[in-house]
Protein backbone atom coordinates (compact mmCIF):
# COMPACT_ATOMS: atom_id res chain seq x y z
CA MET A 1 -106.08 -62.75 26.98
CA GLU A 2 -104.64 -65.58 24.96
CA ASN A 3 -102.94 -65.20 21.61
CA ARG A 4 -104.82 -66.32 18.55
CA ALA A 5 -104.03 -66.73 14.93
CA GLU A 6 -105.12 -64.11 12.43
CA GLY A 7 -108.34 -65.17 10.72
CA ASP A 8 -109.90 -66.92 13.74
CA VAL A 9 -112.55 -64.22 13.96
CA ALA A 10 -115.01 -64.38 11.13
CA ASP A 11 -116.56 -60.91 11.48
CA GLY A 12 -113.53 -58.99 10.17
CA ILE A 13 -112.59 -57.14 13.36
CA GLY A 14 -108.81 -56.42 13.45
CA SER A 15 -106.74 -58.80 15.51
CA LEU A 16 -105.09 -57.92 18.77
CA GLN A 17 -101.31 -57.72 18.81
CA ASP A 18 -99.29 -60.53 20.32
CA GLY A 19 -98.23 -59.84 23.83
CA PRO A 20 -98.18 -61.19 27.33
CA SER A 21 -101.39 -62.17 29.02
CA SER A 22 -103.06 -59.40 31.04
CA GLY A 23 -104.68 -61.85 33.38
CA ILE A 24 -108.14 -60.36 32.74
CA SER A 25 -110.96 -62.73 31.81
CA MET A 26 -113.83 -61.15 29.89
CA GLY A 27 -116.03 -64.29 29.92
CA ALA A 28 -116.20 -64.44 26.11
CA PRO A 29 -116.51 -67.80 24.27
CA ARG A 30 -113.35 -69.35 22.94
CA SER A 31 -112.62 -70.97 19.57
CA ALA A 32 -111.35 -74.44 19.16
CA ALA A 33 -107.81 -73.12 19.19
CA GLY A 34 -108.42 -71.44 22.54
CA ALA A 35 -108.66 -67.86 21.28
CA ILE A 36 -111.31 -65.46 22.50
CA ILE A 37 -114.11 -64.88 20.00
CA LEU A 38 -115.28 -61.23 20.10
CA PRO A 39 -118.91 -60.43 19.30
CA ASP A 40 -120.00 -57.88 16.72
CA ALA A 41 -118.16 -54.51 17.17
CA ALA A 42 -121.42 -52.55 17.56
CA ALA A 43 -122.27 -54.59 20.65
CA VAL A 44 -118.99 -53.97 22.47
CA PRO A 45 -119.23 -50.98 24.89
CA MET A 46 -116.40 -48.46 24.52
CA MET A 47 -114.72 -47.95 27.88
CA PRO A 48 -113.25 -44.52 28.62
CA LEU A 49 -109.50 -44.28 28.26
CA THR A 50 -107.53 -43.17 31.25
CA MET A 51 -103.87 -42.59 31.84
CA GLY A 52 -101.97 -45.82 32.55
CA MET A 53 -104.48 -48.20 30.99
CA GLU A 54 -104.42 -47.30 27.29
CA PRO A 55 -104.49 -50.48 25.15
CA LYS A 56 -102.01 -51.09 22.37
CA LEU A 57 -103.95 -50.56 19.14
CA ASP A 58 -103.15 -50.98 15.47
CA ALA A 59 -102.50 -47.91 13.39
CA GLY A 60 -105.70 -46.30 12.17
CA THR A 61 -107.92 -47.59 15.01
CA PRO A 62 -110.34 -44.79 16.13
CA VAL A 63 -110.04 -43.79 19.79
CA PRO A 64 -112.83 -41.86 21.53
CA GLY A 65 -111.69 -38.73 23.38
CA THR A 66 -112.52 -35.11 24.31
CA LEU A 67 -111.11 -32.14 22.41
CA LYS A 68 -109.42 -29.75 24.85
CA ILE A 69 -109.70 -26.05 23.90
CA PRO A 70 -107.16 -23.79 25.62
CA TYR A 71 -108.66 -20.95 27.76
CA VAL A 72 -107.79 -17.52 26.30
CA LEU A 73 -108.08 -14.29 28.30
CA THR A 74 -109.62 -11.29 26.60
CA ARG A 75 -107.21 -8.56 25.61
CA GLY A 76 -109.27 -5.90 27.41
CA THR A 77 -112.75 -4.69 28.26
CA TRP A 78 -114.15 -1.45 26.87
CA TRP A 79 -116.33 0.66 29.13
CA ILE A 80 -118.18 3.97 29.22
CA ALA A 81 -119.07 6.01 32.30
CA PRO A 82 -120.96 9.26 32.96
CA TYR A 83 -119.69 11.15 36.02
CA ILE A 84 -120.48 14.09 38.29
CA SER A 85 -118.38 15.68 41.03
CA MET A 86 -118.61 18.47 43.58
CA GLY A 87 -116.19 20.07 46.01
CA PRO A 88 -114.66 23.24 47.43
CA VAL A 89 -112.16 25.44 45.60
CA ARG A 90 -108.97 26.79 47.15
CA GLY A 91 -106.45 29.12 45.56
CA GLN A 92 -105.79 32.65 44.43
CA TRP A 93 -104.92 34.83 41.47
CA LYS A 94 -101.35 34.76 40.17
CA GLY A 95 -99.51 36.93 37.67
CA ASN A 96 -99.41 40.61 36.78
CA GLY A 97 -102.02 42.70 38.56
CA ALA A 98 -103.17 39.91 40.85
CA ASN A 99 -102.89 41.80 44.14
CA ASP A 100 -106.17 43.68 43.77
CA LEU A 101 -108.02 40.51 42.73
CA ILE A 102 -106.73 38.47 45.68
CA ASP A 103 -108.44 40.85 48.12
CA ALA A 104 -111.63 41.21 46.08
CA GLU A 105 -112.48 37.63 45.07
CA ASP A 106 -113.16 34.67 47.35
CA TRP A 107 -113.34 31.20 45.74
CA ARG A 108 -116.23 28.99 46.83
CA SER A 109 -117.01 25.69 45.06
CA SER A 110 -117.01 23.77 41.80
CA THR A 111 -119.35 21.31 40.07
CA GLN A 112 -118.32 19.05 37.20
CA GLY A 113 -119.99 16.55 34.90
CA GLY A 114 -119.17 14.64 31.74
CA LEU A 115 -118.48 11.30 30.10
CA LEU A 116 -115.47 8.98 30.31
CA ALA A 117 -114.54 6.05 28.06
CA GLY A 118 -111.72 3.60 28.60
CA LEU A 119 -110.15 0.17 28.28
CA THR A 120 -109.42 -2.16 31.22
CA TRP A 121 -107.05 -5.14 31.05
CA GLN A 122 -107.13 -8.35 33.11
CA SER A 123 -104.09 -7.12 35.05
CA GLY A 124 -106.20 -4.31 36.52
CA TRP A 125 -104.61 -1.44 34.58
CA SER A 126 -106.92 0.91 32.72
CA VAL A 127 -106.63 3.98 30.49
CA SER A 128 -109.43 6.45 29.81
CA ALA A 129 -110.23 9.79 28.23
CA GLY A 130 -113.24 12.01 28.52
CA LEU A 131 -115.02 15.27 27.92
CA GLY A 132 -116.84 17.35 30.50
CA LEU A 133 -117.90 20.77 31.77
CA SER A 134 -116.86 22.46 35.01
CA ARG A 135 -118.40 25.48 36.70
CA ILE A 136 -116.42 27.33 39.38
CA HIS A 137 -118.22 29.67 41.78
CA SER A 138 -116.76 32.64 43.65
CA SER A 139 -117.94 35.75 45.48
CA PHE A 140 -116.70 39.21 44.50
CA GLU A 141 -116.74 42.16 46.88
CA TYR A 142 -114.95 45.47 46.38
CA LYS A 143 -115.10 48.71 48.30
CA GLY A 144 -113.09 51.58 46.90
CA THR A 145 -113.17 54.60 44.64
CA ASN A 146 -114.66 54.66 41.21
CA GLY A 147 -111.65 55.93 39.28
CA THR A 148 -110.77 59.65 39.34
CA GLU A 149 -112.68 62.86 38.70
CA GLU A 150 -111.78 66.47 37.93
CA TYR A 151 -112.55 69.29 40.34
CA THR A 152 -112.15 73.11 40.36
CA ALA A 153 -110.91 74.96 43.46
CA VAL A 154 -111.82 78.69 43.72
CA ASP A 155 -110.11 81.17 46.06
CA THR A 156 -111.05 84.82 46.44
CA THR A 157 -109.12 87.60 48.19
CA TRP A 158 -109.74 91.31 48.83
CA THR A 159 -106.78 93.63 48.45
CA PRO A 160 -107.14 97.15 50.02
CA THR A 161 -105.43 100.07 48.24
CA PRO A 162 -105.40 103.68 49.74
CA TYR A 163 -106.62 106.30 47.31
CA ALA A 164 -104.04 109.08 46.96
CA ASP A 165 -104.76 112.42 48.67
CA THR A 166 -108.17 111.15 49.81
CA PRO A 167 -109.48 109.52 52.92
CA TYR A 168 -110.90 106.68 50.87
CA THR A 169 -109.60 103.10 50.39
CA LEU A 170 -110.10 101.07 47.24
CA TYR A 171 -110.64 97.30 47.55
CA THR A 172 -109.72 94.87 44.77
CA TRP A 173 -111.41 91.47 44.62
CA THR A 174 -109.14 88.73 43.24
CA ILE A 175 -110.58 85.37 42.16
CA ASP A 176 -108.16 82.41 41.80
CA SER A 177 -109.29 79.04 40.34
CA LEU A 178 -107.44 75.71 40.13
CA VAL A 179 -108.53 72.65 38.11
CA GLY A 180 -107.26 69.29 39.43
CA THR A 181 -108.08 65.56 39.78
CA ARG A 182 -109.02 63.51 42.79
CA PRO A 183 -110.28 59.96 43.55
CA GLY A 184 -113.82 59.32 42.47
CA ALA A 185 -116.77 58.62 44.68
CA THR A 186 -116.62 55.69 47.05
CA VAL A 187 -118.33 52.62 45.65
CA GLN A 188 -119.13 49.14 46.97
CA ARG A 189 -119.86 46.39 44.44
CA ASP A 190 -120.46 42.68 44.98
CA SER A 191 -121.56 39.77 42.81
CA ARG A 192 -121.56 35.99 42.46
CA ASN A 193 -119.07 35.05 39.78
CA GLN A 194 -119.22 31.92 37.63
CA TYR A 195 -116.48 30.50 35.39
CA THR A 196 -117.41 27.72 32.94
CA THR A 197 -114.68 25.56 31.43
CA VAL A 198 -114.40 22.56 29.12
CA GLN A 199 -112.32 19.73 30.60
CA VAL A 200 -110.56 16.93 28.71
CA PRO A 201 -109.17 14.40 31.23
CA LEU A 202 -106.62 11.68 30.36
CA THR A 203 -106.28 9.09 33.12
CA LEU A 204 -104.22 6.00 33.97
CA SER A 205 -105.65 3.83 36.76
CA TRP A 206 -105.25 0.47 38.50
CA HIS A 207 -107.73 -1.55 40.55
CA THR A 208 -108.24 -4.90 42.19
CA ALA A 209 -111.47 -6.71 43.08
CA ILE A 210 -112.62 -8.44 46.29
CA ARG A 211 -115.95 -10.14 45.66
CA ARG A 212 -118.21 -7.37 44.34
CA PHE A 213 -116.00 -4.51 45.55
CA ASN A 214 -113.27 -2.77 43.56
CA TYR A 215 -110.41 -0.78 45.05
CA GLY A 216 -107.84 1.27 43.18
CA ALA A 217 -106.12 4.57 42.45
CA PHE A 218 -105.72 6.81 39.43
CA GLY A 219 -103.77 9.79 38.16
CA GLY A 220 -103.49 11.87 35.02
CA ILE A 221 -103.81 15.29 33.47
CA SER A 222 -106.72 17.41 32.31
CA ALA A 223 -106.94 20.29 29.85
CA TRP A 224 -108.80 23.28 31.34
CA ILE A 225 -110.30 25.42 28.54
CA PRO A 226 -112.26 28.54 29.66
CA THR A 227 -115.53 29.37 27.92
CA LYS A 228 -118.36 31.49 29.35
CA ARG A 229 -117.99 33.63 32.49
CA SER A 230 -120.23 36.07 34.33
CA GLY A 231 -119.85 38.48 37.25
CA LEU A 232 -117.56 41.39 38.17
CA THR A 233 -113.83 41.89 38.35
CA LEU A 234 -111.20 44.65 38.68
CA VAL A 235 -109.21 46.33 35.93
CA ARG A 236 -106.62 49.11 35.82
CA PRO A 237 -106.87 51.50 32.84
CA ALA A 238 -103.18 52.35 33.34
CA PRO A 239 -100.42 50.90 35.53
CA ASP A 240 -100.49 53.96 37.80
CA ALA A 241 -104.29 54.33 37.86
CA LEU A 242 -106.62 53.17 40.58
CA PRO A 243 -108.48 49.87 39.96
CA SER A 244 -112.05 50.08 38.76
CA VAL A 245 -114.89 47.57 38.59
CA ALA A 246 -115.63 45.95 35.23
CA ASP A 247 -117.79 43.14 33.93
CA LEU A 248 -116.12 39.73 33.48
CA SER A 249 -117.38 39.60 29.90
CA ASP A 250 -115.42 42.77 29.07
CA PRO A 251 -112.76 42.12 26.37
CA SER A 252 -110.12 43.65 28.64
CA THR A 253 -110.35 40.55 30.86
CA ASP A 254 -109.82 38.00 28.08
CA ALA A 255 -106.06 37.80 28.57
CA ARG A 256 -106.31 36.75 32.22
CA ILE A 257 -108.60 33.73 31.63
CA GLN A 258 -106.41 31.34 29.63
CA ALA A 259 -106.17 27.58 29.08
CA GLN A 260 -104.32 25.54 31.70
CA ILE A 261 -103.06 22.00 32.24
CA HIS A 262 -104.16 20.43 35.54
CA GLY A 263 -102.84 17.34 37.30
CA ARG A 264 -105.32 14.85 38.84
CA LEU A 265 -104.85 12.24 41.61
CA GLY A 266 -107.43 10.15 43.41
CA LEU A 267 -108.61 6.91 44.97
CA SER A 268 -111.44 4.70 43.74
CA VAL A 269 -113.94 2.48 45.57
CA GLY A 270 -116.52 0.65 43.47
CA TYR A 271 -119.35 -1.86 43.75
CA SER A 272 -120.48 -4.20 40.95
CA ILE A 273 -124.24 -3.99 40.66
CA SER A 274 -124.22 -6.64 37.93
CA GLU A 275 -121.74 -8.35 35.64
CA PHE A 276 -121.43 -5.29 33.41
CA LEU A 277 -122.59 -2.37 35.60
CA GLY A 278 -120.77 -0.80 38.54
CA ILE A 279 -120.86 2.39 40.60
CA TYR A 280 -117.70 4.13 41.86
CA ALA A 281 -117.01 6.80 44.49
CA GLU A 282 -113.70 8.58 43.87
CA PRO A 283 -112.22 11.24 46.18
CA MET A 284 -109.74 13.24 44.10
CA VAL A 285 -107.84 16.51 43.86
CA SER A 286 -106.98 18.64 40.83
CA THR A 287 -104.35 21.40 40.73
CA PRO A 288 -102.78 23.51 37.94
CA LEU A 289 -99.47 22.39 36.47
CA MET A 290 -98.97 24.86 33.64
CA VAL A 291 -100.49 28.10 32.36
CA PHE A 292 -99.96 29.68 28.96
CA ASP A 293 -100.05 33.39 29.90
CA LYS A 294 -98.25 35.67 32.37
CA GLU A 295 -101.25 37.88 33.00
CA ALA A 296 -103.26 37.51 36.18
CA THR A 297 -104.86 34.08 36.12
CA PRO A 298 -106.75 31.96 38.69
CA TRP A 299 -104.50 29.28 40.23
CA LEU A 300 -106.99 26.93 41.86
CA THR A 301 -106.80 23.62 43.70
CA GLN A 302 -110.04 21.65 43.54
CA PRO A 303 -110.63 18.72 45.94
CA ALA A 304 -113.80 16.90 44.94
CA LEU A 305 -115.83 13.71 45.31
CA GLN A 306 -116.56 12.12 41.94
CA LEU A 307 -119.39 9.63 41.38
CA ARG A 308 -119.12 7.42 38.29
CA LEU A 309 -121.57 4.87 36.82
CA GLN A 310 -119.58 2.48 34.63
CA TYR A 311 -120.96 0.09 32.01
CA GLU A 312 -118.61 -2.57 30.59
CA PHE A 313 -119.30 -3.88 27.10
CA PRO A 314 -119.41 -7.70 26.82
CA SER A 315 -116.23 -9.11 25.33
CA THR A 316 -116.36 -10.83 21.94
CA ARG A 317 -113.46 -13.19 22.79
């Protein structure tokens, strides 16, 4: 493009700056001085600007462009998930007076259900807390004596005594009695015991996704708070007395069923049904870590398979 003097264009469009010729001919008409005469500005198409071919413009000249908004990751995704789990129970009674209970009670299975809520970050880490109920099943069978009972033993003897200066003999009948105690009658009692507890799990987990599948692991702790129980158990009225059968709801058994802290570990495999809904299968194991009483208490390990339906709330960011 050739240089031209300022004022050669009558329509008021700003002049181009002096500079070397670009060698590009736009086919526009020229003035008498040889300068290019530009048509009205509204008729000139605006070409997109690319790197390396930006023209040199006067200050204040508008330049078309696209506003670039930086992509921002969400801080985390909130979710809520109902869950159920089932599995066997392994363990035994521990503490004072546990020997009789170990032989009498056989642990069977457990069922659990509740609700979890948590927060998952883009890194895959997640924290959650929940509230649920657990029911542990066992079978009780005891064959023994029903305490002690009193008895009276009677012994009689005849004592002959010759009568003086006669051919006759006198006989004296002596009755001896003894009152004592002995084991009671033999009894056999059995029942199906149930222990209901409130569980409050706190969990830290991590997962990664491959297409619609999610894989991960988790661990944490859970408060184990006993509530209702039903069935039969054994008690000793005195340390040196024989055990006797009592109902689990008896106040004498309250001390042995105390709150515990359990540890939880497991793996997680999930499938995304939709953008916000997923289903997870989680094999896990729970075992006691701490108990708050030295009396006989159940010390139970619970492997289980947990099924969880998770809904993720849409992010607002």
